[in-house]
PDB file of all heavy atoms in Angstrom:
ATOM      1  N   LEU A   1     206.374 128.665 -82.682  1.00  0.00           N
ATOM      2  CA  LEU A   1     207.602 129.246 -82.185  1.00  0.00           C
ATOM      3  C   LEU A   1     208.273 128.312 -81.211  1.00  0.00           C
ATOM      4  O   LEU A   1     207.613 127.547 -80.479  1.00  0.00           O
ATOM      5  CB  LEU A   1     207.319 130.568 -81.460  1.00  0.00           C
ATOM      6  CG  LEU A   1     206.598 131.684 -82.207  1.00  0.00           C
ATOM      7  CD1 LEU A   1     206.204 132.784 -81.251  1.00  0.00           C
ATOM      8  CD2 LEU A   1     207.506 132.245 -83.309  1.00  0.00           C
ATOM      9  N   ASN A   2     209.598 128.394 -81.143  1.00  0.00           N
ATOM     10  CA  ASN A   2     210.324 127.818 -80.012  1.00  0.00           C
ATOM     11  C   ASN A   2     210.719 128.996 -79.118  1.00  0.00           C
ATOM     12  O   ASN A   2     211.541 129.828 -79.501  1.00  0.00           O
ATOM     13  CB  ASN A   2     211.564 127.034 -80.461  1.00  0.00           C
ATOM     14  CG  ASN A   2     212.120 126.209 -79.337  1.00  0.00           C
ATOM     15  OD1 ASN A   2     211.534 125.199 -78.950  1.00  0.00           O
ATOM     16  ND2 ASN A   2     213.267 126.630 -78.789  1.00  0.00           N
ATOM     17  N   VAL A   3     210.073 129.073 -77.967  1.00  0.00           N
ATOM     18  CA  VAL A   3     210.281 130.196 -77.039  1.00  0.00           C
ATOM     19  C   VAL A   3     211.198 129.714 -75.916  1.00  0.00           C
ATOM     20  O   VAL A   3     210.987 128.648 -75.340  1.00  0.00           O
ATOM     21  CB  VAL A   3     208.942 130.707 -76.470  1.00  0.00           C
ATOM     22  CG1 VAL A   3     209.187 131.847 -75.500  1.00  0.00           C
ATOM     23  CG2 VAL A   3     208.041 131.167 -77.591  1.00  0.00           C
ATOM     24  N   THR A   4     212.211 130.509 -75.606  1.00  0.00           N
ATOM     25  CA  THR A   4     213.201 130.161 -74.586  1.00  0.00           C
ATOM     26  C   THR A   4     213.280 131.252 -73.551  1.00  0.00           C
ATOM     27  O   THR A   4     213.374 132.450 -73.886  1.00  0.00           O
ATOM     28  CB  THR A   4     214.591 129.943 -75.191  1.00  0.00           C
ATOM     29  OG1 THR A   4     214.512 128.900 -76.187  1.00  0.00           O
ATOM     30  CG2 THR A   4     215.606 129.531 -74.141  1.00  0.00           C
ATOM     31  N   VAL A   5     213.228 130.838 -72.290  1.00  0.00           N
ATOM     32  CA  VAL A   5     213.489 131.732 -71.159  1.00  0.00           C
ATOM     33  C   VAL A   5     214.958 131.527 -70.743  1.00  0.00           C
ATOM     34  O   VAL A   5     215.415 130.385 -70.610  1.00  0.00           O
ATOM     35  CB  VAL A   5     212.557 131.397 -69.965  1.00  0.00           C
ATOM     36  CG1 VAL A   5     213.052 132.038 -68.707  1.00  0.00           C
ATOM     37  CG2 VAL A   5     211.150 131.816 -70.267  1.00  0.00           C
ATOM     38  N   THR A   6     215.681 132.613 -70.537  1.00  0.00           N
ATOM     39  CA  THR A   6     217.061 132.487 -70.086  1.00  0.00           C
ATOM     40  C   THR A   6     217.394 133.638 -69.128  1.00  0.00           C
ATOM     41  O   THR A   6     216.819 134.726 -69.233  1.00  0.00           O
ATOM     42  CB  THR A   6     218.024 132.462 -71.276  1.00  0.00           C
ATOM     43  OG1 THR A   6     219.345 132.107 -70.808  1.00  0.00           O
ATOM     44  CG2 THR A   6     218.061 133.754 -72.044  1.00  0.00           C
ATOM     45  N   ASN A   7     218.269 133.356 -68.190  1.00  0.00           N
ATOM     46  CA  ASN A   7     218.719 134.332 -67.185  1.00  0.00           C
ATOM     47  C   ASN A   7     217.605 134.863 -66.283  1.00  0.00           C
ATOM     48  O   ASN A   7     217.588 136.053 -65.903  1.00  0.00           O
ATOM     49  CB  ASN A   7     219.392 135.554 -67.870  1.00  0.00           C
ATOM     50  CG  ASN A   7     220.496 135.145 -68.808  1.00  0.00           C
ATOM     51  OD1 ASN A   7     221.305 134.274 -68.505  1.00  0.00           O
ATOM     52  ND2 ASN A   7     220.540 135.776 -69.987  1.00  0.00           N
ATOM     53  N   PRO A   8     216.619 134.025 -65.878  1.00  0.00           N
ATOM     54  CA  PRO A   8     215.581 134.532 -64.987  1.00  0.00           C
ATOM     55  C   PRO A   8     216.125 134.772 -63.579  1.00  0.00           C
ATOM     56  O   PRO A   8     216.981 134.033 -63.094  1.00  0.00           O
ATOM     57  CB  PRO A   8     214.530 133.427 -64.994  1.00  0.00           C
ATOM     58  CG  PRO A   8     215.310 132.181 -65.263  1.00  0.00           C
ATOM     59  CD  PRO A   8     216.429 132.579 -66.181  1.00  0.00           C
ATOM     60  N   THR A   9     215.606 135.809 -62.928  1.00  0.00           N
ATOM     61  CA  THR A   9     216.067 136.132 -61.564  1.00  0.00           C
ATOM     62  C   THR A   9     215.190 135.498 -60.477  1.00  0.00           C
ATOM     63  O   THR A   9     215.500 135.588 -59.300  1.00  0.00           O
ATOM     64  CB  THR A   9     216.078 137.649 -61.362  1.00  0.00           C
ATOM     65  OG1 THR A   9     214.744 138.163 -61.559  1.00  0.00           O
ATOM     66  CG2 THR A   9     217.018 138.318 -62.370  1.00  0.00           C
ATOM     67  N   ALA A  10     214.080 134.873 -60.883  1.00  0.00           N
ATOM     68  CA  ALA A  10     213.195 134.227 -59.923  1.00  0.00           C
ATOM     69  C   ALA A  10     212.439 133.106 -60.605  1.00  0.00           C
ATOM     70  O   ALA A  10     212.364 133.043 -61.844  1.00  0.00           O
ATOM     71  CB  ALA A  10     212.199 135.251 -59.367  1.00  0.00           C
ATOM     72  N   ALA A  11     211.912 132.193 -59.791  1.00  0.00           N
ATOM     73  CA  ALA A  11     211.064 131.139 -60.342  1.00  0.00           C
ATOM     74  C   ALA A  11     209.787 131.775 -60.882  1.00  0.00           C
ATOM     75  O   ALA A  11     209.241 132.727 -60.299  1.00  0.00           O
ATOM     76  CB  ALA A  11     210.731 130.128 -59.273  1.00  0.00           C
ATOM     77  N   GLY A  12     209.303 131.250 -62.025  1.00  0.00           N
ATOM     78  CA  GLY A  12     208.110 131.860 -62.601  1.00  0.00           C
ATOM     79  C   GLY A  12     207.600 131.105 -63.790  1.00  0.00           C
ATOM     80  O   GLY A  12     207.934 129.931 -64.013  1.00  0.00           O
ATOM     81  N   TYR A  13     206.779 131.806 -64.594  1.00  0.00           N
ATOM     82  CA  TYR A  13     206.258 131.187 -65.800  1.00  0.00           C
ATOM     83  C   TYR A  13     206.025 132.281 -66.844  1.00  0.00           C
ATOM     84  O   TYR A  13     205.925 133.473 -66.541  1.00  0.00           O
ATOM     85  CB  TYR A  13     204.976 130.409 -65.509  1.00  0.00           C
ATOM     86  CG  TYR A  13     203.802 131.265 -65.061  1.00  0.00           C
ATOM     87  CD1 TYR A  13     202.918 131.833 -65.984  1.00  0.00           C
ATOM     88  CD2 TYR A  13     203.555 131.479 -63.703  1.00  0.00           C
ATOM     89  CE1 TYR A  13     201.829 132.590 -65.572  1.00  0.00           C
ATOM     90  CE2 TYR A  13     202.478 132.233 -63.273  1.00  0.00           C
ATOM     91  CZ  TYR A  13     201.630 132.802 -64.207  1.00  0.00           C
ATOM     92  OH  TYR A  13     200.569 133.560 -63.785  1.00  0.00           O
ATOM     93  N   VAL A  14     205.904 131.845 -68.097  1.00  0.00           N
ATOM     94  CA  VAL A  14     205.617 132.732 -69.215  1.00  0.00           C
ATOM     95  C   VAL A  14     204.374 132.225 -69.939  1.00  0.00           C
ATOM     96  O   VAL A  14     204.225 130.998 -70.139  1.00  0.00           O
ATOM     97  CB  VAL A  14     206.812 132.813 -70.188  1.00  0.00           C
ATOM     98  CG1 VAL A  14     206.397 133.430 -71.534  1.00  0.00           C
ATOM     99  CG2 VAL A  14     207.939 133.626 -69.564  1.00  0.00           C
ATOM    100  N   THR A  15     203.510 133.108 -70.329  1.00  0.00           N
ATOM    101  CA  THR A  15     202.320 132.775 -71.101  1.00  0.00           C
ATOM    102  C   THR A  15     202.381 133.489 -72.450  1.00  0.00           C
ATOM    103  O   THR A  15     202.624 134.699 -72.505  1.00  0.00           O
ATOM    104  CB  THR A  15     201.026 133.210 -70.357  1.00  0.00           C
ATOM    105  OG1 THR A  15     200.973 132.578 -69.089  1.00  0.00           O
ATOM    106  CG2 THR A  15     199.787 132.832 -71.171  1.00  0.00           C
ATOM    107  N   VAL A  16     202.172 132.743 -73.525  1.00  0.00           N
ATOM    108  CA  VAL A  16     202.152 133.301 -74.870  1.00  0.00           C
ATOM    109  C   VAL A  16     200.725 133.206 -75.402  1.00  0.00           C
ATOM    110  O   VAL A  16     200.128 132.127 -75.356  1.00  0.00           O
ATOM    111  CB  VAL A  16     203.115 132.529 -75.806  1.00  0.00           C
ATOM    112  CG1 VAL A  16     203.228 133.240 -77.153  1.00  0.00           C
ATOM    113  CG2 VAL A  16     204.501 132.418 -75.162  1.00  0.00           C
ATOM    114  N   TYR A  17     200.171 134.319 -75.896  1.00  0.00           N
ATOM    115  CA  TYR A  17     198.773 134.335 -76.277  1.00  0.00           C
ATOM    116  C   TYR A  17     198.527 135.352 -77.366  1.00  0.00           C
ATOM    117  O   TYR A  17     199.428 136.157 -77.707  1.00  0.00           O
ATOM    118  CB  TYR A  17     197.893 134.599 -75.052  1.00  0.00           C
ATOM    119  CG  TYR A  17     198.184 135.893 -74.297  1.00  0.00           C
ATOM    120  CD1 TYR A  17     197.361 137.005 -74.465  1.00  0.00           C
ATOM    121  CD2 TYR A  17     199.255 136.005 -73.430  1.00  0.00           C
ATOM    122  CE1 TYR A  17     197.600 138.177 -73.784  1.00  0.00           C
ATOM    123  CE2 TYR A  17     199.510 137.175 -72.734  1.00  0.00           C
ATOM    124  CZ  TYR A  17     198.690 138.272 -72.914  1.00  0.00           C
ATOM    125  OH  TYR A  17     198.927 139.439 -72.243  1.00  0.00           O
ATOM    126  N   PRO A  18     197.330 135.371 -77.954  1.00  0.00           N
ATOM    127  CA  PRO A  18     197.055 136.289 -79.079  1.00  0.00           C
ATOM    128  C   PRO A  18     197.174 137.734 -78.662  1.00  0.00           C
ATOM    129  O   PRO A  18     196.731 138.148 -77.568  1.00  0.00           O
ATOM    130  CB  PRO A  18     195.626 135.927 -79.486  1.00  0.00           C
ATOM    131  CG  PRO A  18     195.375 134.566 -78.958  1.00  0.00           C
ATOM    132  CD  PRO A  18     196.191 134.463 -77.700  1.00  0.00           C
ATOM    133  N   TYR A  19     197.735 138.535 -79.532  1.00  0.00           N
ATOM    134  CA  TYR A  19     197.918 139.964 -79.278  1.00  0.00           C
ATOM    135  C   TYR A  19     196.568 140.639 -79.018  1.00  0.00           C
ATOM    136  O   TYR A  19     195.579 140.436 -79.724  1.00  0.00           O
ATOM    137  CB  TYR A  19     198.585 140.605 -80.481  1.00  0.00           C
ATOM    138  CG  TYR A  19     198.676 142.121 -80.414  1.00  0.00           C
ATOM    139  CD1 TYR A  19     199.534 142.736 -79.521  1.00  0.00           C
ATOM    140  CD2 TYR A  19     197.887 142.911 -81.248  1.00  0.00           C
ATOM    141  CE1 TYR A  19     199.623 144.128 -79.456  1.00  0.00           C
ATOM    142  CE2 TYR A  19     197.965 144.284 -81.194  1.00  0.00           C
ATOM    143  CZ  TYR A  19     198.831 144.888 -80.305  1.00  0.00           C
ATOM    144  OH  TYR A  19     198.912 146.255 -80.242  1.00  0.00           O
ATOM    145  N   GLY A  20     196.551 141.449 -77.949  1.00  0.00           N
ATOM    146  CA  GLY A  20     195.364 142.222 -77.631  1.00  0.00           C
ATOM    147  C   GLY A  20     194.278 141.489 -76.892  1.00  0.00           C
ATOM    148  O   GLY A  20     193.310 142.111 -76.429  1.00  0.00           O
ATOM    149  N   ALA A  21     194.409 140.156 -76.750  1.00  0.00           N
ATOM    150  CA  ALA A  21     193.386 139.361 -76.053  1.00  0.00           C
ATOM    151  C   ALA A  21     193.632 139.448 -74.551  1.00  0.00           C
ATOM    152  O   ALA A  21     194.724 139.783 -74.080  1.00  0.00           O
ATOM    153  CB  ALA A  21     193.425 137.915 -76.522  1.00  0.00           C
ATOM    154  N   SER A  22     192.593 139.122 -73.780  1.00  0.00           N
ATOM    155  CA  SER A  22     192.772 139.014 -72.338  1.00  0.00           C
ATOM    156  C   SER A  22     193.724 137.856 -72.031  1.00  0.00           C
ATOM    157  O   SER A  22     193.636 136.790 -72.618  1.00  0.00           O
ATOM    158  CB  SER A  22     191.423 138.757 -71.644  1.00  0.00           C
ATOM    159  OG  SER A  22     190.537 139.823 -71.880  1.00  0.00           O
ATOM    160  N   ARG A  23     194.639 138.072 -71.099  1.00  0.00           N
ATOM    161  CA  ARG A  23     195.601 137.019 -70.772  1.00  0.00           C
ATOM    162  C   ARG A  23     194.873 135.829 -70.148  1.00  0.00           C
ATOM    163  O   ARG A  23     194.149 135.984 -69.173  1.00  0.00           O
ATOM    164  CB  ARG A  23     196.672 137.569 -69.819  1.00  0.00           C
ATOM    165  CG  ARG A  23     197.689 136.503 -69.393  1.00  0.00           C
ATOM    166  CD  ARG A  23     198.878 137.147 -68.730  1.00  0.00           C
ATOM    167  NE  ARG A  23     198.499 138.012 -67.645  1.00  0.00           N
ATOM    168  CZ  ARG A  23     198.286 137.648 -66.391  1.00  0.00           C
ATOM    169  NH1 ARG A  23     198.393 136.367 -66.060  1.00  0.00           N
ATOM    170  NH2 ARG A  23     197.962 138.516 -65.455  1.00  0.00           N
ATOM    171  N   PRO A  24     195.044 134.637 -70.709  1.00  0.00           N
ATOM    172  CA  PRO A  24     194.322 133.458 -70.204  1.00  0.00           C
ATOM    173  C   PRO A  24     194.966 132.846 -68.961  1.00  0.00           C
ATOM    174  O   PRO A  24     196.154 133.128 -68.641  1.00  0.00           O
ATOM    175  CB  PRO A  24     194.401 132.493 -71.380  1.00  0.00           C
ATOM    176  CG  PRO A  24     195.711 132.822 -72.030  1.00  0.00           C
ATOM    177  CD  PRO A  24     195.864 134.312 -71.880  1.00  0.00           C
ATOM    178  N   LEU A  25     194.209 132.020 -68.278  1.00  0.00           N
ATOM    179  CA  LEU A  25     194.757 131.200 -67.187  1.00  0.00           C
ATOM    180  C   LEU A  25     195.468 130.002 -67.822  1.00  0.00           C
ATOM    181  O   LEU A  25     194.893 128.941 -68.022  1.00  0.00           O
ATOM    182  CB  LEU A  25     193.652 130.713 -66.260  1.00  0.00           C
ATOM    183  CG  LEU A  25     194.071 129.762 -65.146  1.00  0.00           C
ATOM    184  CD1 LEU A  25     195.032 130.451 -64.173  1.00  0.00           C
ATOM    185  CD2 LEU A  25     192.850 129.246 -64.377  1.00  0.00           C
ATOM    186  N   ALA A  26     196.719 130.213 -68.180  1.00  0.00           N
ATOM    187  CA  ALA A  26     197.495 129.181 -68.858  1.00  0.00           C
ATOM    188  C   ALA A  26     198.963 129.571 -68.796  1.00  0.00           C
ATOM    189  O   ALA A  26     199.290 130.725 -68.491  1.00  0.00           O
ATOM    190  CB  ALA A  26     197.052 129.040 -70.326  1.00  0.00           C
ATOM    191  N   SER A  27     199.819 128.607 -69.059  1.00  0.00           N
ATOM    192  CA  SER A  27     201.259 128.900 -69.088  1.00  0.00           C
ATOM    193  C   SER A  27     201.890 128.045 -70.186  1.00  0.00           C
ATOM    194  O   SER A  27     201.371 127.012 -70.583  1.00  0.00           O
ATOM    195  CB  SER A  27     201.911 128.592 -67.748  1.00  0.00           C
ATOM    196  OG  SER A  27     201.820 127.198 -67.434  1.00  0.00           O
ATOM    197  N   ASN A  28     203.047 128.524 -70.680  1.00  0.00           N
ATOM    198  CA  ASN A  28     203.784 127.792 -71.706  1.00  0.00           C
ATOM    199  C   ASN A  28     205.165 127.368 -71.237  1.00  0.00           C
ATOM    200  O   ASN A  28     205.669 126.330 -71.653  1.00  0.00           O
ATOM    201  CB  ASN A  28     203.928 128.638 -72.970  1.00  0.00           C
ATOM    202  CG  ASN A  28     202.606 128.984 -73.600  1.00  0.00           C
ATOM    203  OD1 ASN A  28     202.046 130.053 -73.357  1.00  0.00           O
ATOM    204  ND2 ASN A  28     202.077 128.069 -74.397  1.00  0.00           N
ATOM    205  N   LEU A  29     205.794 128.174 -70.380  1.00  0.00           N
ATOM    206  CA  LEU A  29     207.117 127.829 -69.867  1.00  0.00           C
ATOM    207  C   LEU A  29     207.112 128.026 -68.355  1.00  0.00           C
ATOM    208  O   LEU A  29     206.568 128.995 -67.831  1.00  0.00           O
ATOM    209  CB  LEU A  29     208.196 128.728 -70.477  1.00  0.00           C
ATOM    210  CG  LEU A  29     208.457 128.578 -71.967  1.00  0.00           C
ATOM    211  CD1 LEU A  29     207.710 129.649 -72.735  1.00  0.00           C
ATOM    212  CD2 LEU A  29     209.953 128.672 -72.282  1.00  0.00           C
TER     213      LEU A  29
END
């Protein structure tokens, strides 16, 4: 996928991961 963040109201990050899995210590954007 090409994932895009737009119009964020604060500095941050997004993590994309397998559905239903525990969220990992990682980031994509």
